[in-house]
């Protein structure tokens, strides 16, 4: 599933980078100052603290740039590798997998391009934590939770349509029950990310 989403995000980013897409977008009405909106597709490799381990995640996102200051959109994050939560000396090999996503609002000081500058944001959504046993190759338990994640990132352009961004965020969760070997608070934690972004400015 993750490779398919990755390919879809890259293809959408390349489509938005085409000059024809930019011309067509300028002809349609929107909320931007010149009657159009911008768009940003992000592919975001992430390292996040989960249950006292650093879990690799892949984030995929899409945003509409309504003004030079404001973006709205959605982000989803999927664990690329589970982390072990059973004791090292235990024969049980229980592992935790995590996925979450939601809608976000981002605000920046304003620039001509969405490819450059600081942006502060907040994501609100839901997620699922799963405990799996490598010993019996089965899911032992799972639980859903609510998530709020404030973030801060800085963007730099590589080309007029492609940029990179480095970001820091902190995942706050609620409504989760303890899982075998994992307290509900263990799925909270900070994240560091480096994103590739495909940008179409208004």
Protein backbone atom coordinates (compact mmCIF):
# COMPACT_ATOMS: atom_id res chain seq x y z
CA UNK A 1 0.00 0.00 0.00
CA UNK A 2 2.77 2.43 0.94
CA UNK A 3 4.69 2.02 -2.36
CA UNK A 4 1.45 2.70 -4.30
CA UNK A 5 0.78 5.86 -2.27
CA UNK A 6 4.39 6.94 -2.77
CA UNK A 7 4.10 6.55 -6.56
CA UNK A 8 0.78 8.40 -6.59
CA UNK A 9 2.26 11.31 -4.61
CA UNK A 10 5.27 11.57 -6.93
CA UNK A 11 3.09 11.44 -10.07
CA UNK A 12 0.78 14.11 -8.67
CA UNK A 13 3.78 16.27 -7.80
CA UNK A 14 5.20 15.94 -11.29
CA UNK A 15 1.81 16.80 -12.81
CA UNK A 16 1.60 19.95 -10.73
CA UNK A 17 5.11 20.86 -11.90
CA UNK A 18 4.10 20.87 -15.57
CA UNK A 19 3.75 24.35 -17.11
CA UNK A 20 0.38 23.37 -18.63
CA UNK A 21 -1.02 22.61 -15.20
CA UNK A 22 0.14 26.03 -14.03
CA UNK A 23 -1.53 27.80 -16.97
CA UNK A 24 -4.83 25.94 -16.51
CA UNK A 25 -4.82 26.72 -12.79
CA UNK A 26 -4.44 30.44 -13.49
CA UNK A 27 -7.57 30.34 -15.64
CA UNK A 28 -9.74 28.91 -12.87
CA UNK A 29 -11.23 30.98 -10.03
CA UNK A 30 -9.82 30.62 -6.54
CA UNK A 31 -9.00 32.37 -3.31
CA UNK A 32 -5.50 33.63 -4.09
CA UNK A 33 -4.68 37.25 -4.77
CA UNK A 34 -4.54 36.57 -8.53
CA UNK A 35 -7.69 34.38 -8.65
CA UNK A 36 -5.86 31.08 -8.23
CA UNK A 37 -4.57 28.81 -5.51
CA UNK A 38 -1.26 27.03 -5.16
CA UNK A 39 -0.69 23.38 -4.34
CA UNK A 40 2.04 21.41 -2.57
CA UNK A 41 2.58 17.63 -2.61
CA UNK A 42 4.98 16.33 0.06
CA UNK A 43 6.84 13.05 0.49
CA UNK A 44 8.16 13.11 4.04
CA UNK A 45 10.57 10.47 5.47
CA UNK A 46 10.29 10.82 9.24
CA UNK A 47 11.96 9.50 12.39
CA UNK A 48 9.60 9.53 15.37
CA UNK A 49 10.01 8.55 19.01
CA UNK A 50 7.56 5.75 19.81
CA UNK A 51 7.72 3.55 22.95
CA UNK A 52 11.30 4.67 23.72
CA UNK A 53 12.46 3.78 20.20
CA UNK A 54 12.87 5.78 17.00
CA UNK A 55 10.41 4.47 14.42
CA UNK A 56 10.86 5.24 10.70
CA UNK A 57 7.69 6.65 9.15
CA UNK A 58 6.76 7.74 5.66
CA UNK A 59 4.51 10.79 5.42
CA UNK A 60 2.48 11.73 2.35
CA UNK A 61 0.66 15.03 2.13
CA UNK A 62 -1.25 17.40 -0.10
CA UNK A 63 -1.95 21.08 0.62
CA UNK A 64 -3.77 23.96 -1.03
CA UNK A 65 -1.98 27.29 -0.69
CA UNK A 66 -4.88 29.71 -0.33
CA UNK A 67 -2.78 32.82 0.31
CA UNK A 68 0.96 33.52 0.70
CA UNK A 69 0.41 32.91 4.43
CA UNK A 70 -2.12 30.07 4.72
CA UNK A 71 -2.17 26.42 3.61
CA UNK A 72 -4.75 23.72 4.35
CA UNK A 73 -4.55 20.06 3.48
CA UNK A 74 -4.03 16.54 4.76
CA UNK A 75 -1.11 14.39 5.89
CA UNK A 76 -0.83 10.66 6.51
CA UNK A 77 2.03 8.78 8.21
CA UNK A 78 2.76 5.05 8.00
CA UNK A 79 5.39 3.09 9.93
CA UNK A 80 8.03 1.55 7.68
CA UNK A 81 9.28 -0.76 10.43
CA UNK A 82 7.73 -1.95 13.68
CA UNK A 83 9.60 -1.47 16.96
CA UNK A 84 10.01 -4.20 19.55
CA UNK A 85 8.15 -3.60 22.81
CA UNK A 86 8.71 -6.91 24.62
CA UNK A 87 11.76 -7.19 26.94
CA UNK A 88 15.02 -8.24 25.30
CA UNK A 89 15.22 -11.39 27.44
CA UNK A 90 11.64 -12.40 26.63
CA UNK A 91 10.95 -15.19 24.10
CA UNK A 92 7.93 -13.20 22.96
CA UNK A 93 8.75 -10.82 20.11
CA UNK A 94 5.91 -8.30 20.32
CA UNK A 95 6.26 -5.32 18.00
CA UNK A 96 4.39 -2.03 17.70
CA UNK A 97 3.26 -0.54 14.37
CA UNK A 98 1.75 2.92 14.05
CA UNK A 99 -0.19 4.92 11.49
CA UNK A 100 -2.04 8.20 11.70
CA UNK A 101 -3.24 11.14 9.66
CA UNK A 102 -5.58 14.07 9.50
CA UNK A 103 -6.18 17.59 8.26
CA UNK A 104 -3.77 20.43 8.90
CA UNK A 105 -3.53 24.18 8.84
CA UNK A 106 -0.15 25.87 8.23
CA UNK A 107 0.79 29.51 8.54
CA UNK A 108 3.94 31.25 7.31
CA UNK A 109 5.18 34.85 7.35
CA UNK A 110 4.33 35.11 3.67
CA UNK A 111 6.50 34.80 0.58
CA UNK A 112 5.99 34.80 -3.16
CA UNK A 113 6.76 31.09 -3.33
CA UNK A 114 5.60 28.20 -1.17
CA UNK A 115 9.06 26.78 -1.74
CA UNK A 116 10.88 28.97 0.80
CA UNK A 117 10.59 30.10 4.40
CA UNK A 118 9.32 29.11 7.84
CA UNK A 119 5.90 27.52 8.38
CA UNK A 120 4.13 26.65 11.63
CA UNK A 121 1.27 24.18 11.52
CA UNK A 122 -1.07 21.93 13.43
CA UNK A 123 -2.52 18.59 12.37
CA UNK A 124 -5.69 17.08 13.88
CA UNK A 125 -6.87 13.56 13.11
CA UNK A 126 -6.88 9.95 14.17
CA UNK A 127 -4.54 6.97 14.15
CA UNK A 128 -4.17 3.28 14.93
CA UNK A 129 -1.57 1.46 17.02
CA UNK A 130 -1.12 -2.29 16.52
CA UNK A 131 0.74 -4.90 18.55
CA UNK A 132 1.96 -7.80 16.44
CA UNK A 133 3.80 -10.97 17.43
CA UNK A 134 6.69 -11.98 15.20
CA UNK A 135 6.76 -15.29 17.11
CA UNK A 136 3.30 -16.41 15.96
CA UNK A 137 2.99 -13.98 13.01
CA UNK A 138 -0.33 -12.56 14.22
CA UNK A 139 -1.86 -9.32 15.46
CA UNK A 140 -2.32 -9.41 19.23
CA UNK A 141 -4.22 -6.17 19.78
CA UNK A 142 -4.99 -2.79 18.22
CA UNK A 143 -6.48 0.50 19.32
CA UNK A 144 -7.48 3.79 17.72
CA UNK A 145 -6.62 7.22 19.05
CA UNK A 146 -7.03 10.93 18.41
CA UNK A 147 -3.97 12.95 17.51
CA UNK A 148 -2.98 16.61 17.55
CA UNK A 149 0.48 17.43 16.19
CA UNK A 150 1.95 20.94 16.15
CA UNK A 151 4.91 21.40 13.81
CA UNK A 152 7.52 23.82 12.55
CA UNK A 153 9.45 23.52 9.28
CA UNK A 154 11.80 25.46 7.04
CA UNK A 155 11.68 25.15 3.25
CA UNK A 156 14.40 25.67 0.66
CA UNK A 157 13.95 25.55 -3.14
CA UNK A 158 15.92 23.20 -5.37
CA UNK A 159 14.16 24.39 -8.53
CA UNK A 160 11.17 26.75 -9.00
CA UNK A 161 8.85 23.73 -8.65
CA UNK A 162 10.73 21.36 -6.32
CA UNK A 163 12.01 22.01 -2.83
CA UNK A 164 13.10 20.36 0.42
CA UNK A 165 11.91 21.01 3.95
CA UNK A 166 13.27 20.12 7.39
CA UNK A 167 10.69 19.90 10.15
CA UNK A 168 10.15 19.21 13.85
CA UNK A 169 6.81 18.16 15.35
CA UNK A 170 5.37 16.66 18.51
CA UNK A 171 2.56 14.09 18.45
CA UNK A 172 -0.04 14.39 21.24
CA UNK A 173 -2.61 11.59 21.51
CA UNK A 174 -5.81 10.90 23.41
CA UNK A 175 -8.45 8.21 23.74
CA UNK A 176 -6.01 5.30 23.48
CA UNK A 177 -6.12 2.31 25.81
CA UNK A 178 -2.97 0.50 26.98
CA UNK A 179 -1.81 -2.28 24.66
CA UNK A 180 0.17 -5.38 25.69
CA UNK A 181 3.54 -4.02 26.80
CA UNK A 182 2.72 -0.45 25.72
CA UNK A 183 1.23 2.36 27.79
CA UNK A 184 -1.10 4.77 26.02
CA UNK A 185 1.40 7.63 26.51
CA UNK A 186 4.13 5.67 24.69
CA UNK A 187 2.67 6.51 21.28
CA UNK A 188 3.24 10.22 21.92
CA UNK A 189 6.55 11.82 21.06
CA UNK A 190 8.66 14.12 18.88
CA UNK A 191 9.39 13.63 15.19
CA UNK A 192 12.10 14.86 12.83
CA UNK A 193 11.47 14.90 9.08
CA UNK A 194 13.06 15.86 5.78
CA UNK A 195 10.53 16.32 2.98
CA UNK A 196 10.66 16.53 -0.79
CA UNK A 197 7.99 18.96 -1.98
CA UNK A 198 6.47 19.54 -5.42
CA UNK A 199 5.12 23.10 -5.51
CA UNK A 200 2.80 25.01 -7.79
CA UNK A 201 2.56 28.64 -6.74
CA UNK A 202 -0.60 30.72 -7.36
